[in-house]
Amino acid sequence: MVKEVTIIFYGKHSLELKYTVECFPQLKNGRVIIPERYKQDKSIIAVCEGHVNILNSFGERIEFFPKVNHAT
């Protein structure tokens, strides 16, 4: 089974909060398996179920990575 998740993270060389929406394999107990290659150079803050549209955090807007036009 594959699960869509939103991952909120800090990059290796920046304190700018970022997020991506990804699809990863899911175990029977509900946990998502995040590959080591994805985790590389990231400090993961949260893994959220589904596509979460984060408008701001701590009063600051955060960047969606990779950049996608959400205006449609």
Protein backbone atom coordinates (compact mmCIF):
# COMPACT_ATOMS: atom_id res chain seq x y z
CA MET A 1 0.00 0.00 0.00
CA VAL A 2 1.19 3.54 -0.79
CA LYS A 3 0.33 6.59 1.32
CA GLU A 4 0.37 10.28 0.35
CA VAL A 5 2.00 12.41 3.06
CA THR A 6 3.14 15.98 3.57
CA ILE A 7 6.62 16.16 5.07
CA ILE A 8 7.70 19.32 6.88
CA PHE A 9 11.46 19.73 7.23
CA TYR A 10 14.50 21.97 7.53
CA GLY A 11 17.17 21.68 4.84
CA LYS A 12 20.79 20.94 5.65
CA HIS A 13 22.09 24.45 4.93
CA SER A 14 19.06 26.57 5.84
CA LEU A 15 16.78 27.34 8.75
CA GLU A 16 13.97 27.97 6.28
CA LEU A 17 11.03 25.62 6.90
CA LYS A 18 10.04 23.68 3.76
CA TYR A 19 7.57 20.96 2.83
CA THR A 20 6.87 18.44 0.09
CA VAL A 21 4.00 16.13 -0.73
CA GLU A 22 5.22 12.59 -1.41
CA CYS A 23 3.91 9.05 -1.81
CA PHE A 24 5.72 6.38 0.21
CA PRO A 25 5.06 2.71 1.05
CA GLN A 26 2.93 2.13 4.13
CA LEU A 27 3.21 -0.75 6.61
CA LYS A 28 0.14 -2.63 7.87
CA ASN A 29 0.40 -0.76 11.19
CA GLY A 30 -0.03 2.57 9.34
CA ARG A 31 3.57 3.78 9.53
CA VAL A 32 5.08 5.24 6.38
CA ILE A 33 8.51 4.09 5.20
CA ILE A 34 10.59 7.14 4.27
CA PRO A 35 13.66 6.10 2.26
CA GLU A 36 17.08 7.08 3.60
CA ARG A 37 17.90 8.87 0.32
CA TYR A 38 14.90 11.17 0.91
CA LYS A 39 15.94 11.87 4.51
CA GLN A 40 19.45 12.85 3.43
CA ASP A 41 20.25 16.53 4.11
CA LYS A 42 16.90 17.07 5.90
CA SER A 43 15.77 17.45 9.51
CA ILE A 44 12.21 16.15 9.37
CA ILE A 45 9.87 18.04 11.71
CA ALA A 46 6.55 16.32 10.93
CA VAL A 47 4.91 13.76 8.66
CA CYS A 48 1.24 14.60 8.00
CA GLU A 49 -1.38 12.41 6.36
CA GLY A 50 -2.39 13.52 2.86
CA HIS A 51 -1.76 16.80 1.08
CA VAL A 52 -1.63 19.55 3.67
CA ASN A 53 -1.71 23.13 2.39
CA ILE A 54 0.38 25.04 4.95
CA LEU A 55 -0.28 28.76 4.75
CA ASN A 56 2.17 29.92 7.40
CA SER A 57 4.11 28.74 10.42
CA PHE A 58 5.28 30.78 13.41
CA GLY A 59 3.96 33.86 11.61
CA GLU A 60 6.13 33.30 8.54
CA ARG A 61 5.21 31.89 5.18
CA ILE A 62 7.05 28.71 4.30
CA GLU A 63 8.28 27.63 0.90
CA PHE A 64 6.86 24.60 -0.88
CA PHE A 65 9.72 22.53 -2.27
CA PRO A 66 9.71 21.86 -5.16
CA LYS A 67 7.84 25.00 -6.13
CA VAL A 68 4.35 24.43 -7.52
CA ASN A 69 1.75 27.03 -8.46
CA HIS A 70 -1.14 26.56 -6.01
CA ALA A 71 -3.10 29.54 -7.40
CA THR A 72 -5.36 27.42 -9.62
